[in-house]
Amino acid sequence: VVTTYEHKLDIEITAVAARTCPLYIGLIGSKGKLALARKRFTEDFGLTDELINRIDMPIGVAIAAETPDEIALAILASLIDARNRSHGLKSKK
């Protein structure tokens, strides 16, 4: 999970981490930040579409989260889902 104090740094760290093919990788951000991230991943870091599509953007399960607590819960749900899927469990939906 990448979330720092600076968009540029978030994007750079995510690009480097994506190449290691972690079990889960997510990037927090607005639509504008994520559009810029996708562009930079391709143009500046040479990431393939396959690698970019593995990055959870925006991060977390879509629950219309607004508060910091709700955002944290959505992120944790994504982490739990990734872990369980890696063990062969399937979503109930």
PDB file of N, CA and C in Angstrom:
ATOM      1  N   VAL A   1       0.861  -1.164   0.000  1.00  0.00           N
ATOM      2  CA  VAL A   1       0.000   0.000   0.000  1.00  0.00           C
ATOM      3  C   VAL A   1       0.901   1.218   0.000  1.00  0.00           C
ATOM      4  N   VAL A   2       0.738   2.062  -1.008  1.00  0.00           N
ATOM      5  CA  VAL A   2       1.587   3.244  -1.139  1.00  0.00           C
ATOM      6  C   VAL A   2       0.769   4.491  -0.864  1.00  0.00           C
ATOM      7  N   THR A   3       1.180   5.239   0.127  1.00  0.00           N
ATOM      8  CA  THR A   3       0.564   6.522   0.429  1.00  0.00           C
ATOM      9  C   THR A   3       1.575   7.366   1.205  1.00  0.00           C
ATOM     10  N   THR A   4       2.180   8.318   0.518  1.00  0.00           N
ATOM     11  CA  THR A   4       3.166   9.199   1.139  1.00  0.00           C
ATOM     12  C   THR A   4       2.618  10.619   1.151  1.00  0.00           C
ATOM     13  N   TYR A   5       3.477  11.554   1.427  1.00  0.00           N
ATOM     14  CA  TYR A   5       3.094  12.967   1.485  1.00  0.00           C
ATOM     15  C   TYR A   5       3.135  13.650   0.121  1.00  0.00           C
ATOM     16  N   GLU A   6       3.586  12.941  -0.916  1.00  0.00           N
ATOM     17  CA  GLU A   6       3.793  13.588  -2.214  1.00  0.00           C
ATOM     18  C   GLU A   6       3.380  12.661  -3.363  1.00  0.00           C
ATOM     19  N   HIS A   7       2.534  13.169  -4.269  1.00  0.00           N
ATOM     20  CA  HIS A   7       2.061  12.366  -5.407  1.00  0.00           C
ATOM     21  C   HIS A   7       3.217  11.793  -6.219  1.00  0.00           C
ATOM     22  N   LYS A   8       4.209  12.614  -6.521  1.00  0.00           N
ATOM     23  CA  LYS A   8       5.335  12.167  -7.353  1.00  0.00           C
ATOM     24  C   LYS A   8       6.020  10.963  -6.713  1.00  0.00           C
ATOM     25  N   LEU A   9       6.235  11.036  -5.421  1.00  0.00           N
ATOM     26  CA  LEU A   9       6.884   9.945  -4.703  1.00  0.00           C
ATOM     27  C   LEU A   9       6.004   8.695  -4.681  1.00  0.00           C
ATOM     28  N   ASP A  10       4.707   8.873  -4.473  1.00  0.00           N
ATOM     29  CA  ASP A  10       3.772   7.736  -4.517  1.00  0.00           C
ATOM     30  C   ASP A  10       3.894   6.987  -5.842  1.00  0.00           C
ATOM     31  N   ILE A  11       3.911   7.742  -6.924  1.00  0.00           N
ATOM     32  CA  ILE A  11       3.958   7.151  -8.266  1.00  0.00           C
ATOM     33  C   ILE A  11       5.278   6.421  -8.488  1.00  0.00           C
ATOM     34  N   GLU A  12       6.389   7.037  -8.080  1.00  0.00           N
ATOM     35  CA  GLU A  12       7.704   6.411  -8.268  1.00  0.00           C
ATOM     36  C   GLU A  12       7.831   5.123  -7.459  1.00  0.00           C
ATOM     37  N   ILE A  13       7.413   5.160  -6.205  1.00  0.00           N
ATOM     38  CA  ILE A  13       7.491   3.965  -5.357  1.00  0.00           C
ATOM     39  C   ILE A  13       6.608   2.850  -5.913  1.00  0.00           C
ATOM     40  N   THR A  14       5.416   3.202  -6.342  1.00  0.00           N
ATOM     41  CA  THR A  14       4.494   2.209  -6.892  1.00  0.00           C
ATOM     42  C   THR A  14       5.070   1.571  -8.152  1.00  0.00           C
ATOM     43  N   ALA A  15       5.685   2.373  -9.009  1.00  0.00           N
ATOM     44  CA  ALA A  15       6.278   1.846 -10.245  1.00  0.00           C
ATOM     45  C   ALA A  15       7.381   0.840  -9.941  1.00  0.00           C
ATOM     46  N   VAL A  16       8.228   1.162  -8.984  1.00  0.00           N
ATOM     47  CA  VAL A  16       9.312   0.247  -8.612  1.00  0.00           C
ATOM     48  C   VAL A  16       8.735  -1.020  -7.979  1.00  0.00           C
ATOM     49  N   ALA A  17       7.791  -0.853  -7.074  1.00  0.00           N
ATOM     50  CA  ALA A  17       7.193  -2.003  -6.392  1.00  0.00           C
ATOM     51  C   ALA A  17       6.437  -2.914  -7.357  1.00  0.00           C
ATOM     52  N   ALA A  18       5.792  -2.340  -8.358  1.00  0.00           N
ATOM     53  CA  ALA A  18       5.008  -3.136  -9.312  1.00  0.00           C
ATOM     54  C   ALA A  18       5.878  -4.151 -10.038  1.00  0.00           C
ATOM     55  N   ARG A  19       7.121  -3.813 -10.268  1.00  0.00           N
ATOM     56  CA  ARG A  19       8.033  -4.733 -10.968  1.00  0.00           C
ATOM     57  C   ARG A  19       8.369  -5.970 -10.137  1.00  0.00           C
ATOM     58  N   THR A  20       8.149  -5.919  -8.833  1.00  0.00           N
ATOM     59  CA  THR A  20       8.444  -7.070  -7.976  1.00  0.00           C
ATOM     60  C   THR A  20       7.272  -8.046  -7.905  1.00  0.00           C
ATOM     61  N   CYS A  21       6.156  -7.692  -8.554  1.00  0.00           N
ATOM     62  CA  CYS A  21       4.945  -8.525  -8.587  1.00  0.00           C
ATOM     63  C   CYS A  21       4.508  -8.973  -7.190  1.00  0.00           C
ATOM     64  N   PRO A  22       4.247  -8.012  -6.304  1.00  0.00           N
ATOM     65  CA  PRO A  22       3.802  -8.372  -4.954  1.00  0.00           C
ATOM     66  C   PRO A  22       2.404  -8.979  -4.977  1.00  0.00           C
ATOM     67  N   LEU A  23       2.045  -9.626  -3.896  1.00  0.00           N
ATOM     68  CA  LEU A  23       0.703 -10.195  -3.772  1.00  0.00           C
ATOM     69  C   LEU A  23      -0.356  -9.110  -3.941  1.00  0.00           C
ATOM     70  N   TYR A  24      -0.099  -7.932  -3.390  1.00  0.00           N
ATOM     71  CA  TYR A  24      -1.044  -6.817  -3.497  1.00  0.00           C
ATOM     72  C   TYR A  24      -0.260  -5.522  -3.596  1.00  0.00           C
ATOM     73  N   ILE A  25      -0.722  -4.638  -4.456  1.00  0.00           N
ATOM     74  CA  ILE A  25      -0.163  -3.294  -4.523  1.00  0.00           C
ATOM     75  C   ILE A  25      -1.301  -2.339  -4.833  1.00  0.00           C
ATOM     76  N   GLY A  26      -1.354  -1.274  -4.064  1.00  0.00           N
ATOM     77  CA  GLY A  26      -2.425  -0.305  -4.243  1.00  0.00           C
ATOM     78  C   GLY A  26      -1.905   1.112  -4.147  1.00  0.00           C
ATOM     79  N   LEU A  27      -2.566   2.006  -4.859  1.00  0.00           N
ATOM     80  CA  LEU A  27      -2.191   3.419  -4.877  1.00  0.00           C
ATOM     81  C   LEU A  27      -3.419   4.258  -4.579  1.00  0.00           C
ATOM     82  N   ILE A  28      -3.318   5.092  -3.560  1.00  0.00           N
ATOM     83  CA  ILE A  28      -4.415   5.966  -3.174  1.00  0.00           C
ATOM     84  C   ILE A  28      -4.371   7.227  -4.025  1.00  0.00           C
ATOM     85  N   GLY A  29      -5.529   7.777  -4.348  1.00  0.00           N
ATOM     86  CA  GLY A  29      -5.519   9.040  -5.073  1.00  0.00           C
ATOM     87  C   GLY A  29      -6.824   9.385  -5.749  1.00  0.00           C
ATOM     88  N   SER A  30      -6.877  10.638  -6.163  1.00  0.00           N
ATOM     89  CA  SER A  30      -8.027  11.156  -6.906  1.00  0.00           C
ATOM     90  C   SER A  30      -7.977  10.645  -8.343  1.00  0.00           C
ATOM     91  N   LYS A  31      -9.047  10.892  -9.089  1.00  0.00           N
ATOM     92  CA  LYS A  31      -9.070  10.501 -10.505  1.00  0.00           C
ATOM     93  C   LYS A  31      -7.922  11.156 -11.264  1.00  0.00           C
ATOM     94  N   GLY A  32      -7.652  12.426 -10.969  1.00  0.00           N
ATOM     95  CA  GLY A  32      -6.571  13.142 -11.643  1.00  0.00           C
ATOM     96  C   GLY A  32      -5.208  12.551 -11.346  1.00  0.00           C
ATOM     97  N   LYS A  33      -4.950  12.252 -10.077  1.00  0.00           N
ATOM     98  CA  LYS A  33      -3.670  11.657  -9.693  1.00  0.00           C
ATOM     99  C   LYS A  33      -3.499  10.293 -10.341  1.00  0.00           C
ATOM    100  N   LEU A  34      -4.554   9.508 -10.363  1.00  0.00           N
ATOM    101  CA  LEU A  34      -4.450   8.164 -10.923  1.00  0.00           C
ATOM    102  C   LEU A  34      -4.282   8.190 -12.434  1.00  0.00           C
ATOM    103  N   ALA A  35      -4.886   9.170 -13.111  1.00  0.00           N
ATOM    104  CA  ALA A  35      -4.680   9.322 -14.560  1.00  0.00           C
ATOM    105  C   ALA A  35      -3.225   9.680 -14.833  1.00  0.00           C
ATOM    106  N   LEU A  36      -2.676  10.592 -14.029  1.00  0.00           N
ATOM    107  CA  LEU A  36      -1.265  10.955 -14.171  1.00  0.00           C
ATOM    108  C   LEU A  36      -0.377   9.748 -13.886  1.00  0.00           C
ATOM    109  N   ALA A  37      -0.723   8.982 -12.868  1.00  0.00           N
ATOM    110  CA  ALA A  37       0.063   7.797 -12.519  1.00  0.00           C
ATOM    111  C   ALA A  37       0.100   6.811 -13.679  1.00  0.00           C
ATOM    112  N   ARG A  38      -1.050   6.520 -14.268  1.00  0.00           N
ATOM    113  CA  ARG A  38      -1.097   5.588 -15.407  1.00  0.00           C
ATOM    114  C   ARG A  38      -0.207   6.075 -16.548  1.00  0.00           C
ATOM    115  N   LYS A  39      -0.277   7.365 -16.828  1.00  0.00           N
ATOM    116  CA  LYS A  39       0.539   7.940 -17.902  1.00  0.00           C
ATOM    117  C   LYS A  39       2.029   7.800 -17.578  1.00  0.00           C
ATOM    118  N   ARG A  40       2.410   8.135 -16.362  1.00  0.00           N
ATOM    119  CA  ARG A  40       3.822   8.044 -15.972  1.00  0.00           C
ATOM    120  C   ARG A  40       4.306   6.602 -15.923  1.00  0.00           C
ATOM    121  N   PHE A  41       3.442   5.683 -15.470  1.00  0.00           N
ATOM    122  CA  PHE A  41       3.839   4.278 -15.427  1.00  0.00           C
ATOM    123  C   PHE A  41       4.248   3.798 -16.814  1.00  0.00           C
ATOM    124  N   THR A  42       3.503   4.217 -17.821  1.00  0.00           N
ATOM    125  CA  THR A  42       3.787   3.807 -19.195  1.00  0.00           C
ATOM    126  C   THR A  42       4.956   4.582 -19.784  1.00  0.00           C
ATOM    127  N   GLU A  43       4.860   5.896 -19.750  1.00  0.00           N
ATOM    128  CA  GLU A  43       5.832   6.746 -20.441  1.00  0.00           C
ATOM    129  C   GLU A  43       7.175   6.861 -19.727  1.00  0.00           C
ATOM    130  N   ASP A  44       7.160   7.015 -18.411  1.00  0.00           N
ATOM    131  CA  ASP A  44       8.406   7.247 -17.680  1.00  0.00           C
ATOM    132  C   ASP A  44       9.039   5.976 -17.131  1.00  0.00           C
ATOM    133  N   PHE A  45       8.218   4.987 -16.816  1.00  0.00           N
ATOM    134  CA  PHE A  45       8.741   3.785 -16.173  1.00  0.00           C
ATOM    135  C   PHE A  45       8.639   2.536 -17.038  1.00  0.00           C
ATOM    136  N   GLY A  46       7.984   2.631 -18.189  1.00  0.00           N
ATOM    137  CA  GLY A  46       7.896   1.513 -19.117  1.00  0.00           C
ATOM    138  C   GLY A  46       7.136   0.309 -18.595  1.00  0.00           C
ATOM    139  N   LEU A  47       6.196   0.530 -17.694  1.00  0.00           N
ATOM    140  CA  LEU A  47       5.412  -0.599 -17.190  1.00  0.00           C
ATOM    141  C   LEU A  47       4.442  -1.080 -18.263  1.00  0.00           C
ATOM    142  N   THR A  48       4.258  -2.371 -18.324  1.00  0.00           N
ATOM    143  CA  THR A  48       3.308  -2.953 -19.271  1.00  0.00           C
ATOM    144  C   THR A  48       1.886  -2.775 -18.740  1.00  0.00           C
ATOM    145  N   ASP A  49       0.918  -2.919 -19.630  1.00  0.00           N
ATOM    146  CA  ASP A  49      -0.482  -2.859 -19.208  1.00  0.00           C
ATOM    147  C   ASP A  49      -0.777  -3.931 -18.163  1.00  0.00           C
ATOM    148  N   GLU A  50      -0.165  -5.093 -18.320  1.00  0.00           N
ATOM    149  CA  GLU A  50      -0.375  -6.183 -17.368  1.00  0.00           C
ATOM    150  C   GLU A  50       0.050  -5.771 -15.961  1.00  0.00           C
ATOM    151  N   LEU A  51       1.218  -5.144 -15.836  1.00  0.00           N
ATOM    152  CA  LEU A  51       1.682  -4.695 -14.520  1.00  0.00           C
ATOM    153  C   LEU A  51       0.800  -3.577 -13.974  1.00  0.00           C
ATOM    154  N   ILE A  52       0.448  -2.631 -14.831  1.00  0.00           N
ATOM    155  CA  ILE A  52      -0.386  -1.504 -14.395  1.00  0.00           C
ATOM    156  C   ILE A  52      -1.741  -2.000 -13.907  1.00  0.00           C
ATOM    157  N   ASN A  53      -2.303  -2.979 -14.594  1.00  0.00           N
ATOM    158  CA  ASN A  53      -3.622  -3.495 -14.217  1.00  0.00           C
ATOM    159  C   ASN A  53      -3.612  -4.263 -12.897  1.00  0.00           C
ATOM    160  N   ARG A  54      -2.433  -4.672 -12.443  1.00  0.00           N
ATOM    161  CA  ARG A  54      -2.320  -5.348 -11.142  1.00  0.00           C
ATOM    162  C   ARG A  54      -2.377  -4.362  -9.978  1.00  0.00           C
ATOM    163  N   ILE A  55      -2.169  -3.083 -10.264  1.00  0.00           N
ATOM    164  CA  ILE A  55      -2.171  -2.056  -9.218  1.00  0.00           C
ATOM    165  C   ILE A  55      -3.615  -1.673  -8.906  1.00  0.00           C
ATOM    166  N   ASP A  56      -3.988  -1.785  -7.661  1.00  0.00           N
ATOM    167  CA  ASP A  56      -5.341  -1.433  -7.227  1.00  0.00           C
ATOM    168  C   ASP A  56      -5.448   0.094  -7.163  1.00  0.00           C
ATOM    169  N   MET A  57      -6.121   0.662  -8.172  1.00  0.00           N
ATOM    170  CA  MET A  57      -6.271   2.121  -8.271  1.00  0.00           C
ATOM    171  C   MET A  57      -7.705   2.453  -8.632  1.00  0.00           C
ATOM    172  N   PRO A  58      -8.428   3.200  -7.867  1.00  0.00           N
ATOM    173  CA  PRO A  58      -8.037   3.667  -6.537  1.00  0.00           C
ATOM    174  C   PRO A  58      -8.028   2.510  -5.549  1.00  0.00           C
ATOM    175  N   ILE A  59      -7.218   2.661  -4.563  1.00  0.00           N
ATOM    176  CA  ILE A  59      -7.003   1.604  -3.589  1.00  0.00           C
ATOM    177  C   ILE A  59      -8.277   1.285  -2.808  1.00  0.00           C
ATOM    178  N   GLY A  60      -8.442   0.035  -2.474  1.00  0.00           N
ATOM    179  CA  GLY A  60      -9.531  -0.369  -1.593  1.00  0.00           C
ATOM    180  C   GLY A  60     -10.771  -0.865  -2.304  1.00  0.00           C
ATOM    181  N   VAL A  61     -11.600  -1.541  -1.533  1.00  0.00           N
ATOM    182  CA  VAL A  61     -12.885  -2.035  -2.011  1.00  0.00           C
ATOM    183  C   VAL A  61     -13.820  -0.843  -2.188  1.00  0.00           C
ATOM    184  N   ALA A  62     -14.614  -0.861  -3.244  1.00  0.00           N
ATOM    185  CA  ALA A  62     -15.528   0.251  -3.538  1.00  0.00           C
ATOM    186  C   ALA A  62     -16.726   0.224  -2.592  1.00  0.00           C
ATOM    187  N   ILE A  63     -16.637   1.031  -1.530  1.00  0.00           N
ATOM    188  CA  ILE A  63     -17.741   1.109  -0.565  1.00  0.00           C
ATOM    189  C   ILE A  63     -18.190   2.556  -0.363  1.00  0.00           C
ATOM    190  N   ALA A  64     -17.853   3.434  -1.288  1.00  0.00           N
ATOM    191  CA  ALA A  64     -18.190   4.857  -1.174  1.00  0.00           C
ATOM    192  C   ALA A  64     -17.630   5.444   0.116  1.00  0.00           C
ATOM    193  N   ALA A  65     -16.391   5.065   0.440  1.00  0.00           N
ATOM    194  CA  ALA A  65     -15.736   5.536   1.659  1.00  0.00           C
ATOM    195  C   ALA A  65     -15.429   7.025   1.573  1.00  0.00           C
ATOM    196  N   GLU A  66     -15.652   7.726   2.682  1.00  0.00           N
ATOM    197  CA  GLU A  66     -15.355   9.157   2.734  1.00  0.00           C
ATOM    198  C   GLU A  66     -14.447   9.524   3.896  1.00  0.00           C
ATOM    199  N   THR A  67     -14.660   8.935   5.058  1.00  0.00           N
ATOM    200  CA  THR A  67     -13.860   9.293   6.227  1.00  0.00           C
ATOM    201  C   THR A  67     -12.556   8.492   6.223  1.00  0.00           C
ATOM    202  N   PRO A  68     -11.536   8.964   6.955  1.00  0.00           N
ATOM    203  CA  PRO A  68     -10.294   8.189   7.043  1.00  0.00           C
ATOM    204  C   PRO A  68     -10.522   6.763   7.544  1.00  0.00           C
ATOM    205  N   ASP A  69     -11.424   6.598   8.508  1.00  0.00           N
ATOM    206  CA  ASP A  69     -11.710   5.252   9.017  1.00  0.00           C
ATOM    207  C   ASP A  69     -12.321   4.359   7.941  1.00  0.00           C
ATOM    208  N   GLU A  70     -13.230   4.910   7.165  1.00  0.00           N
ATOM    209  CA  GLU A  70     -13.865   4.139   6.090  1.00  0.00           C
ATOM    210  C   GLU A  70     -12.858   3.788   5.001  1.00  0.00           C
ATOM    211  N   ILE A  71     -11.978   4.720   4.674  1.00  0.00           N
ATOM    212  CA  ILE A  71     -10.943   4.459   3.666  1.00  0.00           C
ATOM    213  C   ILE A  71     -10.020   3.350   4.159  1.00  0.00           C
ATOM    214  N   ALA A  72      -9.624   3.416   5.435  1.00  0.00           N
ATOM    215  CA  ALA A  72      -8.771   2.371   6.007  1.00  0.00           C
ATOM    216  C   ALA A  72      -9.458   1.008   5.945  1.00  0.00           C
ATOM    217  N   LEU A  73     -10.736   0.969   6.255  1.00  0.00           N
ATOM    218  CA  LEU A  73     -11.495  -0.283   6.197  1.00  0.00           C
ATOM    219  C   LEU A  73     -11.541  -0.834   4.773  1.00  0.00           C
ATOM    220  N   ALA A  74     -11.747   0.037   3.791  1.00  0.00           N
ATOM    221  CA  ALA A  74     -11.785  -0.385   2.387  1.00  0.00           C
ATOM    222  C   ALA A  74     -10.437  -0.962   1.957  1.00  0.00           C
ATOM    223  N   ILE A  75      -9.342  -0.335   2.413  1.00  0.00           N
ATOM    224  CA  ILE A  75      -7.997  -0.828   2.085  1.00  0.00           C
ATOM    225  C   ILE A  75      -7.767  -2.188   2.739  1.00  0.00           C
ATOM    226  N   LEU A  76      -8.115  -2.308   4.008  1.00  0.00           N
ATOM    227  CA  LEU A  76      -7.952  -3.595   4.697  1.00  0.00           C
ATOM    228  C   LEU A  76      -8.763  -4.697   4.029  1.00  0.00           C
ATOM    229  N   ALA A  77      -9.952  -4.376   3.578  1.00  0.00           N
ATOM    230  CA  ALA A  77     -10.773  -5.370   2.877  1.00  0.00           C
ATOM    231  C   ALA A  77     -10.070  -5.857   1.613  1.00  0.00           C
ATOM    232  N   SER A  78      -9.417  -4.951   0.888  1.00  0.00           N
ATOM    233  CA  SER A  78      -8.669  -5.350  -0.312  1.00  0.00           C
ATOM    234  C   SER A  78      -7.499  -6.254   0.041  1.00  0.00           C
ATOM    235  N   LEU A  79      -6.809  -5.941   1.129  1.00  0.00           N
ATOM    236  CA  LEU A  79      -5.678  -6.767   1.560  1.00  0.00           C
ATOM    237  C   LEU A  79      -6.144  -8.166   1.962  1.00  0.00           C
ATOM    238  N   ILE A  80      -7.234  -8.237   2.700  1.00  0.00           N
ATOM    239  CA  ILE A  80      -7.785  -9.538   3.103  1.00  0.00           C
ATOM    240  C   ILE A  80      -8.207 -10.343   1.879  1.00  0.00           C
ATOM    241  N   ASP A  81      -8.861  -9.688   0.928  1.00  0.00           N
ATOM    242  CA  ASP A  81      -9.291 -10.360  -0.297  1.00  0.00           C
ATOM    243  C   ASP A  81      -8.092 -10.915  -1.064  1.00  0.00           C
ATOM    244  N   ALA A  82      -7.035 -10.114  -1.209  1.00  0.00           N
ATOM    245  CA  ALA A  82      -5.841 -10.567  -1.936  1.00  0.00           C
ATOM    246  C   ALA A  82      -5.206 -11.763  -1.239  1.00  0.00           C
ATOM    247  N   ARG A  83      -5.096 -11.691   0.077  1.00  0.00           N
ATOM    248  CA  ARG A  83      -4.516 -12.810   0.829  1.00  0.00           C
ATOM    249  C   ARG A  83      -5.346 -14.073   0.656  1.00  0.00           C
ATOM    250  N   ASN A  84      -6.655 -13.952   0.816  1.00  0.00           N
ATOM    251  CA  ASN A  84      -7.514 -15.128   0.719  1.00  0.00           C
ATOM    252  C   ASN A  84      -7.521 -15.720  -0.686  1.00  0.00           C
ATOM    253  N   ARG A  85      -7.534 -14.881  -1.695  1.00  0.00           N
ATOM    254  CA  ARG A  85      -7.479 -15.386  -3.077  1.00  0.00           C
ATOM    255  C   ARG A  85      -6.160 -16.111  -3.342  1.00  0.00           C
ATOM    256  N   SER A  86      -5.072 -15.640  -2.727  1.00  0.00           N
ATOM    257  CA  SER A  86      -3.778 -16.308  -2.924  1.00  0.00           C
ATOM    258  C   SER A  86      -3.777 -17.705  -2.315  1.00  0.00           C
ATOM    259  N   HIS A  87      -4.698 -17.949  -1.383  1.00  0.00           N
ATOM    260  CA  HIS A  87      -4.837 -19.270  -0.766  1.00  0.00           C
ATOM    261  C   HIS A  87      -5.928 -20.101  -1.421  1.00  0.00           C
ATOM    262  N   GLY A  88      -6.437 -19.611  -2.561  1.00  0.00           N
ATOM    263  CA  GLY A  88      -7.412 -20.375  -3.319  1.00  0.00           C
ATOM    264  C   GLY A  88      -8.865 -20.138  -2.957  1.00  0.00           C
ATOM    265  N   LEU A  89      -9.119 -19.229  -2.031  1.00  0.00           N
ATOM    266  CA  LEU A  89     -10.507 -18.939  -1.671  1.00  0.00           C
ATOM    267  C   LEU A  89     -11.135 -18.041  -2.727  1.00  0.00           C
ATOM    268  N   LYS A  90     -12.423 -18.162  -2.904  1.00  0.00           N
ATOM    269  CA  LYS A  90     -13.127 -17.369  -3.909  1.00  0.00           C
ATOM    270  C   LYS A  90     -14.082 -16.403  -3.233  1.00  0.00           C
ATOM    271  N   SER A  91     -14.333 -15.290  -3.898  1.00  0.00           N
ATOM    272  CA  SER A  91     -15.280 -14.299  -3.400  1.00  0.00           C
ATOM    273  C   SER A  91     -16.671 -14.911  -3.328  1.00  0.00           C
ATOM    274  N   LYS A  92     -17.434 -14.501  -2.352  1.00  0.00           N
ATOM    275  CA  LYS A  92     -18.793 -15.027  -2.204  1.00  0.00           C
ATOM    276  C   LYS A  92     -19.769 -14.350  -3.135  1.00  0.00           C
ATOM    277  N   LYS A  93     -19.353 -13.293  -3.801  1.00  0.00           N
ATOM    278  CA  LYS A  93     -20.234 -12.592  -4.752  1.00  0.00           C
ATOM    279  C   LYS A  93     -19.847 -12.927  -6.160  1.00  0.00           C
TER     280      LYS A  93
END
